[in-house]
PDB file of N, CA and C in Angstrom:
ATOM      1  N   UNK A   1      96.210  54.098  84.474  1.00  0.00           N
ATOM      2  CA  UNK A   1      97.594  54.524  84.487  1.00  0.00           C
ATOM      3  C   UNK A   1      97.709  55.791  83.656  1.00  0.00           C
ATOM      4  N   UNK A   2      98.352  56.803  84.215  1.00  0.00           N
ATOM      5  CA  UNK A   2      98.486  58.061  83.488  1.00  0.00           C
ATOM      6  C   UNK A   2      99.809  58.087  82.744  1.00  0.00           C
ATOM      7  N   UNK A   3      99.834  58.906  81.705  1.00  0.00           N
ATOM      8  CA  UNK A   3     101.031  59.024  80.878  1.00  0.00           C
ATOM      9  C   UNK A   3     102.070  59.920  81.518  1.00  0.00           C
ATOM     10  N   UNK A   4     103.215  60.085  80.856  1.00  0.00           N
ATOM     11  CA  UNK A   4     104.285  60.923  81.386  1.00  0.00           C
ATOM     12  C   UNK A   4     103.846  62.384  81.489  1.00  0.00           C
ATOM     13  N   UNK A   5     104.406  63.068  82.454  1.00  0.00           N
ATOM     14  CA  UNK A   5     104.113  64.489  82.644  1.00  0.00           C
ATOM     15  C   UNK A   5     105.392  65.268  82.409  1.00  0.00           C
ATOM     16  N   UNK A   6     105.260  66.417  81.780  1.00  0.00           N
ATOM     17  CA  UNK A   6     106.410  67.247  81.485  1.00  0.00           C
ATOM     18  C   UNK A   6     106.354  68.511  82.329  1.00  0.00           C
ATOM     19  N   UNK A   7     107.451  68.819  82.993  1.00  0.00           N
ATOM     20  CA  UNK A   7     107.565  70.078  83.712  1.00  0.00           C
ATOM     21  C   UNK A   7     108.322  71.030  82.803  1.00  0.00           C
ATOM     22  N   UNK A   8     107.652  72.105  82.401  1.00  0.00           N
ATOM     23  CA  UNK A   8     108.263  73.063  81.502  1.00  0.00           C
ATOM     24  C   UNK A   8     109.192  73.984  82.277  1.00  0.00           C
ATOM     25  N   UNK A   9     108.721  74.502  83.408  1.00  0.00           N
ATOM     26  CA  UNK A   9     109.526  75.402  84.216  1.00  0.00           C
ATOM     27  C   UNK A   9     109.059  75.280  85.661  1.00  0.00           C
ATOM     28  N   UNK A  10     109.956  74.915  86.574  1.00  0.00           N
ATOM     29  CA  UNK A  10     109.539  74.855  87.972  1.00  0.00           C
ATOM     30  C   UNK A  10     109.167  76.253  88.466  1.00  0.00           C
ATOM     31  N   UNK A  11     108.129  76.341  89.273  1.00  0.00           N
ATOM     32  CA  UNK A  11     107.669  77.623  89.787  1.00  0.00           C
ATOM     33  C   UNK A  11     107.647  77.586  91.306  1.00  0.00           C
ATOM     34  N   UNK A  12     107.905  78.726  91.902  1.00  0.00           N
ATOM     35  CA  UNK A  12     107.849  78.875  93.345  1.00  0.00           C
ATOM     36  C   UNK A  12     106.512  79.513  93.705  1.00  0.00           C
ATOM     37  N   UNK A  13     105.836  78.932  94.684  1.00  0.00           N
ATOM     38  CA  UNK A  13     104.543  79.437  95.135  1.00  0.00           C
ATOM     39  C   UNK A  13     104.664  79.961  96.553  1.00  0.00           C
ATOM     40  N   UNK A  14     103.880  80.975  96.864  1.00  0.00           N
ATOM     41  CA  UNK A  14     103.785  81.502  98.222  1.00  0.00           C
ATOM     42  C   UNK A  14     102.322  81.538  98.644  1.00  0.00           C
ATOM     43  N   UNK A  15     102.106  81.444  99.941  1.00  0.00           N
ATOM     44  CA  UNK A  15     100.771  81.544 100.519  1.00  0.00           C
ATOM     45  C   UNK A  15     100.747  82.826 101.348  1.00  0.00           C
ATOM     46  N   UNK A  16      99.803  83.732 101.027  1.00  0.00           N
ATOM     47  CA  UNK A  16      99.742  85.029 101.703  1.00  0.00           C
ATOM     48  C   UNK A  16      98.300  85.344 102.108  1.00  0.00           C
ATOM     49  N   UNK A  17      98.121  86.206 103.129  1.00  0.00           N
ATOM     50  CA  UNK A  17      96.751  86.642 103.445  1.00  0.00           C
ATOM     51  C   UNK A  17      96.144  87.340 102.233  1.00  0.00           C
ATOM     52  N   UNK A  18      94.880  87.071 101.980  1.00  0.00           N
ATOM     53  CA  UNK A  18      94.189  87.662 100.828  1.00  0.00           C
ATOM     54  C   UNK A  18      93.666  89.041 101.216  1.00  0.00           C
ATOM     55  N   UNK A  19      94.299  90.064 100.681  1.00  0.00           N
ATOM     56  CA  UNK A  19      93.895  91.440 100.964  1.00  0.00           C
ATOM     57  C   UNK A  19      93.341  92.128  99.709  1.00  0.00           C
ATOM     58  N   UNK A  20      92.970  91.325  98.737  1.00  0.00           N
ATOM     59  CA  UNK A  20      92.390  91.880  97.516  1.00  0.00           C
ATOM     60  C   UNK A  20      91.022  92.497  97.837  1.00  0.00           C
ATOM     61  N   UNK A  21      90.578  93.470  97.034  1.00  0.00           N
ATOM     62  CA  UNK A  21      89.279  94.116  97.303  1.00  0.00           C
ATOM     63  C   UNK A  21      88.104  93.135  97.342  1.00  0.00           C
ATOM     64  N   UNK A  22      88.193  92.036  96.598  1.00  0.00           N
ATOM     65  CA  UNK A  22      87.089  91.074  96.568  1.00  0.00           C
ATOM     66  C   UNK A  22      87.291  89.900  97.536  1.00  0.00           C
ATOM     67  N   UNK A  23      88.283  90.003  98.430  1.00  0.00           N
ATOM     68  CA  UNK A  23      88.550  88.908  99.380  1.00  0.00           C
ATOM     69  C   UNK A  23      87.396  88.782 100.369  1.00  0.00           C
ATOM     70  N   UNK A  24      87.172  87.566 100.827  1.00  0.00           N
ATOM     71  CA  UNK A  24      86.191  87.360 101.883  1.00  0.00           C
ATOM     72  C   UNK A  24      86.678  88.066 103.142  1.00  0.00           C
ATOM     73  N   UNK A  25      85.768  88.521 103.997  1.00  0.00           N
ATOM     74  CA  UNK A  25      86.216  89.209 105.209  1.00  0.00           C
ATOM     75  C   UNK A  25      86.776  88.237 106.242  1.00  0.00           C
ATOM     76  N   UNK A  26      87.685  88.728 107.072  1.00  0.00           N
ATOM     77  CA  UNK A  26      88.157  87.945 108.202  1.00  0.00           C
ATOM     78  C   UNK A  26      87.071  88.020 109.267  1.00  0.00           C
ATOM     79  N   UNK A  27      86.779  86.882 109.911  1.00  0.00           N
ATOM     80  CA  UNK A  27      85.750  86.869 110.943  1.00  0.00           C
ATOM     81  C   UNK A  27      86.300  86.292 112.240  1.00  0.00           C
ATOM     82  N   UNK A  28      85.662  86.671 113.335  1.00  0.00           N
ATOM     83  CA  UNK A  28      86.023  86.217 114.669  1.00  0.00           C
ATOM     84  C   UNK A  28      84.784  85.622 115.333  1.00  0.00           C
ATOM     85  N   UNK A  29      85.000  84.638 116.180  1.00  0.00           N
ATOM     86  CA  UNK A  29      83.924  84.069 116.992  1.00  0.00           C
ATOM     87  C   UNK A  29      84.559  83.454 118.231  1.00  0.00           C
ATOM     88  N   UNK A  30      83.738  83.225 119.242  1.00  0.00           N
ATOM     89  CA  UNK A  30      84.186  82.548 120.458  1.00  0.00           C
ATOM     90  C   UNK A  30      83.283  81.350 120.687  1.00  0.00           C
ATOM     91  N   UNK A  31      83.873  80.263 121.188  1.00  0.00           N
ATOM     92  CA  UNK A  31      83.095  79.063 121.514  1.00  0.00           C
ATOM     93  C   UNK A  31      83.434  78.648 122.937  1.00  0.00           C
ATOM     94  N   UNK A  32      82.412  78.355 123.708  1.00  0.00           N
ATOM     95  CA  UNK A  32      82.591  77.896 125.077  1.00  0.00           C
ATOM     96  C   UNK A  32      83.123  76.460 125.048  1.00  0.00           C
ATOM     97  N   UNK A  33      84.253  76.235 125.704  1.00  0.00           N
ATOM     98  CA  UNK A  33      84.848  74.894 125.733  1.00  0.00           C
ATOM     99  C   UNK A  33      84.106  73.971 126.684  1.00  0.00           C
ATOM    100  N   UNK A  34      83.244  74.519 127.534  1.00  0.00           N
ATOM    101  CA  UNK A  34      82.498  73.695 128.491  1.00  0.00           C
ATOM    102  C   UNK A  34      81.240  73.118 127.842  1.00  0.00           C
ATOM    103  N   UNK A  35      80.430  73.982 127.211  1.00  0.00           N
ATOM    104  CA  UNK A  35      79.139  73.511 126.674  1.00  0.00           C
ATOM    105  C   UNK A  35      79.075  73.503 125.149  1.00  0.00           C
ATOM    106  N   UNK A  36      80.036  74.126 124.477  1.00  0.00           N
ATOM    107  CA  UNK A  36      80.041  74.137 123.012  1.00  0.00           C
ATOM    108  C   UNK A  36      79.234  75.252 122.386  1.00  0.00           C
ATOM    109  N   UNK A  37      78.512  76.021 123.206  1.00  0.00           N
ATOM    110  CA  UNK A  37      77.761  77.151 122.671  1.00  0.00           C
ATOM    111  C   UNK A  37      78.742  78.189 122.137  1.00  0.00           C
ATOM    112  N   UNK A  38      78.303  78.991 121.169  1.00  0.00           N
ATOM    113  CA  UNK A  38      79.233  79.947 120.589  1.00  0.00           C
ATOM    114  C   UNK A  38      78.580  81.209 120.102  1.00  0.00           C
ATOM    115  N   UNK A  39      79.407  82.203 119.907  1.00  0.00           N
ATOM    116  CA  UNK A  39      78.933  83.486 119.392  1.00  0.00           C
ATOM    117  C   UNK A  39      78.712  83.385 117.889  1.00  0.00           C
ATOM    118  N   UNK A  40      78.079  84.403 117.369  1.00  0.00           N
ATOM    119  CA  UNK A  40      77.959  84.544 115.920  1.00  0.00           C
ATOM    120  C   UNK A  40      79.314  84.971 115.363  1.00  0.00           C
ATOM    121  N   UNK A  41      79.567  84.696 114.088  1.00  0.00           N
ATOM    122  CA  UNK A  41      80.756  85.227 113.420  1.00  0.00           C
ATOM    123  C   UNK A  41      80.602  86.740 113.310  1.00  0.00           C
ATOM    124  N   UNK A  42      81.708  87.441 113.452  1.00  0.00           N
ATOM    125  CA  UNK A  42      81.666  88.892 113.383  1.00  0.00           C
ATOM    126  C   UNK A  42      82.913  89.407 112.671  1.00  0.00           C
ATOM    127  N   UNK A  43      82.775  90.517 111.995  1.00  0.00           N
ATOM    128  CA  UNK A  43      83.908  91.145 111.342  1.00  0.00           C
ATOM    129  C   UNK A  43      84.792  91.912 112.304  1.00  0.00           C
ATOM    130  N   UNK A  44      84.364  92.026 113.551  1.00  0.00           N
ATOM    131  CA  UNK A  44      85.183  92.694 114.560  1.00  0.00           C
ATOM    132  C   UNK A  44      85.302  91.786 115.780  1.00  0.00           C
ATOM    133  N   UNK A  45      86.185  92.140 116.688  1.00  0.00           N
ATOM    134  CA  UNK A  45      86.440  91.328 117.867  1.00  0.00           C
ATOM    135  C   UNK A  45      85.449  91.631 118.989  1.00  0.00           C
ATOM    136  N   UNK A  46      84.836  92.801 118.969  1.00  0.00           N
ATOM    137  CA  UNK A  46      84.013  93.250 120.086  1.00  0.00           C
ATOM    138  C   UNK A  46      82.811  92.348 120.372  1.00  0.00           C
ATOM    139  N   UNK A  47      82.041  91.986 119.372  1.00  0.00           N
ATOM    140  CA  UNK A  47      80.833  91.184 119.596  1.00  0.00           C
ATOM    141  C   UNK A  47      81.148  89.801 120.185  1.00  0.00           C
ATOM    142  N   UNK A  48      82.123  89.048 119.660  1.00  0.00           N
ATOM    143  CA  UNK A  48      82.436  87.751 120.278  1.00  0.00           C
ATOM    144  C   UNK A  48      82.964  87.889 121.708  1.00  0.00           C
ATOM    145  N   UNK A  49      83.751  88.920 121.968  1.00  0.00           N
ATOM    146  CA  UNK A  49      84.263  89.140 123.323  1.00  0.00           C
ATOM    147  C   UNK A  49      83.107  89.436 124.276  1.00  0.00           C
ATOM    148  N   UNK A  50      82.188  90.283 123.865  1.00  0.00           N
ATOM    149  CA  UNK A  50      81.019  90.596 124.688  1.00  0.00           C
ATOM    150  C   UNK A  50      80.201  89.339 124.938  1.00  0.00           C
ATOM    151  N   UNK A  51      80.022  88.515 123.897  1.00  0.00           N
ATOM    152  CA  UNK A  51      79.268  87.276 124.060  1.00  0.00           C
ATOM    153  C   UNK A  51      79.910  86.394 125.127  1.00  0.00           C
ATOM    154  N   UNK A  52      81.245  86.218 125.092  1.00  0.00           N
ATOM    155  CA  UNK A  52      81.931  85.356 126.056  1.00  0.00           C
ATOM    156  C   UNK A  52      81.760  85.883 127.479  1.00  0.00           C
ATOM    157  N   UNK A  53      81.882  87.186 127.663  1.00  0.00           N
ATOM    158  CA  UNK A  53      81.713  87.760 129.001  1.00  0.00           C
ATOM    159  C   UNK A  53      80.282  87.572 129.511  1.00  0.00           C
ATOM    160  N   UNK A  54      79.303  87.782 128.640  1.00  0.00           N
ATOM    161  CA  UNK A  54      77.904  87.577 129.033  1.00  0.00           C
ATOM    162  C   UNK A  54      77.608  86.109 129.302  1.00  0.00           C
ATOM    163  N   UNK A  55      78.194  85.211 128.498  1.00  0.00           N
ATOM    164  CA  UNK A  55      77.990  83.768 128.695  1.00  0.00           C
ATOM    165  C   UNK A  55      78.545  83.339 130.049  1.00  0.00           C
ATOM    166  N   UNK A  56      79.717  83.847 130.408  1.00  0.00           N
ATOM    167  CA  UNK A  56      80.289  83.530 131.725  1.00  0.00           C
ATOM    168  C   UNK A  56      79.417  84.093 132.843  1.00  0.00           C
ATOM    169  N   UNK A  57      78.835  85.268 132.618  1.00  0.00           N
ATOM    170  CA  UNK A  57      77.935  85.847 133.619  1.00  0.00           C
ATOM    171  C   UNK A  57      76.702  84.998 133.855  1.00  0.00           C
ATOM    172  N   UNK A  58      76.174  84.382 132.782  1.00  0.00           N
ATOM    173  CA  UNK A  58      74.991  83.515 132.906  1.00  0.00           C
ATOM    174  C   UNK A  58      75.356  82.113 133.373  1.00  0.00           C
ATOM    175  N   UNK A  59      76.614  81.717 133.159  1.00  0.00           N
ATOM    176  CA  UNK A  59      77.087  80.363 133.479  1.00  0.00           C
ATOM    177  C   UNK A  59      78.436  80.479 134.200  1.00  0.00           C
ATOM    178  N   UNK A  60      78.430  80.758 135.508  1.00  0.00           N
ATOM    179  CA  UNK A  60      79.673  81.055 136.227  1.00  0.00           C
ATOM    180  C   UNK A  60      80.750  79.972 136.164  1.00  0.00           C
ATOM    181  N   UNK A  61      80.390  78.740 135.886  1.00  0.00           N
ATOM    182  CA  UNK A  61      81.414  77.692 135.793  1.00  0.00           C
ATOM    183  C   UNK A  61      81.994  77.578 134.376  1.00  0.00           C
ATOM    184  N   UNK A  62      81.484  78.359 133.447  1.00  0.00           N
ATOM    185  CA  UNK A  62      81.976  78.339 132.064  1.00  0.00           C
ATOM    186  C   UNK A  62      82.981  79.470 131.894  1.00  0.00           C
ATOM    187  N   UNK A  63      84.246  79.160 132.036  1.00  0.00           N
ATOM    188  CA  UNK A  63      85.260  80.205 131.932  1.00  0.00           C
ATOM    189  C   UNK A  63      86.407  79.841 131.003  1.00  0.00           C
ATOM    190  N   UNK A  64      86.190  78.848 130.134  1.00  0.00           N
ATOM    191  CA  UNK A  64      87.197  78.454 129.159  1.00  0.00           C
ATOM    192  C   UNK A  64      86.587  78.564 127.755  1.00  0.00           C
ATOM    193  N   UNK A  65      87.282  79.269 126.870  1.00  0.00           N
ATOM    194  CA  UNK A  65      86.761  79.550 125.531  1.00  0.00           C
ATOM    195  C   UNK A  65      87.807  79.283 124.465  1.00  0.00           C
ATOM    196  N   UNK A  66      87.332  79.093 123.247  1.00  0.00           N
ATOM    197  CA  UNK A  66      88.211  78.955 122.085  1.00  0.00           C
ATOM    198  C   UNK A  66      87.895  80.092 121.118  1.00  0.00           C
ATOM    199  N   UNK A  67      88.929  80.720 120.632  1.00  0.00           N
ATOM    200  CA  UNK A  67      88.757  81.744 119.611  1.00  0.00           C
ATOM    201  C   UNK A  67      88.738  81.061 118.249  1.00  0.00           C
ATOM    202  N   UNK A  68      87.815  81.473 117.412  1.00  0.00           N
ATOM    203  CA  UNK A  68      87.718  80.931 116.055  1.00  0.00           C
ATOM    204  C   UNK A  68      87.912  82.102 115.088  1.00  0.00           C
ATOM    205  N   UNK A  69      88.981  82.048 114.316  1.00  0.00           N
ATOM    206  CA  UNK A  69      89.281  83.107 113.350  1.00  0.00           C
ATOM    207  C   UNK A  69      89.278  82.483 111.964  1.00  0.00           C
ATOM    208  N   UNK A  70      88.554  83.093 111.067  1.00  0.00           N
ATOM    209  CA  UNK A  70      88.599  82.681 109.667  1.00  0.00           C
ATOM    210  C   UNK A  70      89.219  83.823 108.887  1.00  0.00           C
ATOM    211  N   UNK A  71      90.353  83.534 108.260  1.00  0.00           N
ATOM    212  CA  UNK A  71      91.107  84.538 107.518  1.00  0.00           C
ATOM    213  C   UNK A  71      91.299  84.026 106.095  1.00  0.00           C
ATOM    214  N   UNK A  72      90.939  84.822 105.096  1.00  0.00           N
ATOM    215  CA  UNK A  72      91.129  84.364 103.722  1.00  0.00           C
ATOM    216  C   UNK A  72      92.615  84.400 103.326  1.00  0.00           C
ATOM    217  N   UNK A  73      93.025  83.385 102.597  1.00  0.00           N
ATOM    218  CA  UNK A  73      94.404  83.276 102.100  1.00  0.00           C
ATOM    219  C   UNK A  73      94.367  83.042 100.599  1.00  0.00           C
ATOM    220  N   UNK A  74      95.466  83.334  99.938  1.00  0.00           N
ATOM    221  CA  UNK A  74      95.589  83.070  98.501  1.00  0.00           C
ATOM    222  C   UNK A  74      97.007  82.630  98.181  1.00  0.00           C
ATOM    223  N   UNK A  75      97.149  81.933  97.095  1.00  0.00           N
ATOM    224  CA  UNK A  75      98.484  81.555  96.633  1.00  0.00           C
ATOM    225  C   UNK A  75      98.890  82.472  95.484  1.00  0.00           C
ATOM    226  N   UNK A  76     100.180  82.734  95.414  1.00  0.00           N
ATOM    227  CA  UNK A  76     100.719  83.491  94.279  1.00  0.00           C
ATOM    228  C   UNK A  76     101.932  82.741  93.730  1.00  0.00           C
ATOM    229  N   UNK A  77     102.096  82.849  92.432  1.00  0.00           N
ATOM    230  CA  UNK A  77     103.190  82.169  91.755  1.00  0.00           C
ATOM    231  C   UNK A  77     104.276  83.199  91.422  1.00  0.00           C
ATOM    232  N   UNK A  78     105.503  82.840  91.709  1.00  0.00           N
ATOM    233  CA  UNK A  78     106.638  83.700  91.384  1.00  0.00           C
ATOM    234  C   UNK A  78     107.305  83.143  90.114  1.00  0.00           C
ATOM    235  N   UNK A  79     107.530  83.994  89.161  1.00  0.00           N
ATOM    236  CA  UNK A  79     108.075  83.559  87.897  1.00  0.00           C
ATOM    237  C   UNK A  79     109.536  83.561  87.867  1.00  0.00           C
TER     238      UNK A  79
END
């Protein structure tokens, strides 16, 4: 059982995209919804798009894909 907790001052928090110089990069990838195969993560959209088009060319019945985007976020406190 924990003891009482005191709130000194309520704070408002926001969640924003992390654009700090040391933020992790945003990455893109594509995954085939038919077979589960996928592109490598890339810092640009071109490589995953090319992968999906080439994958469809090699596998004509594979024409459904999922985009996977990883974007860094951070929280900030407003005083």
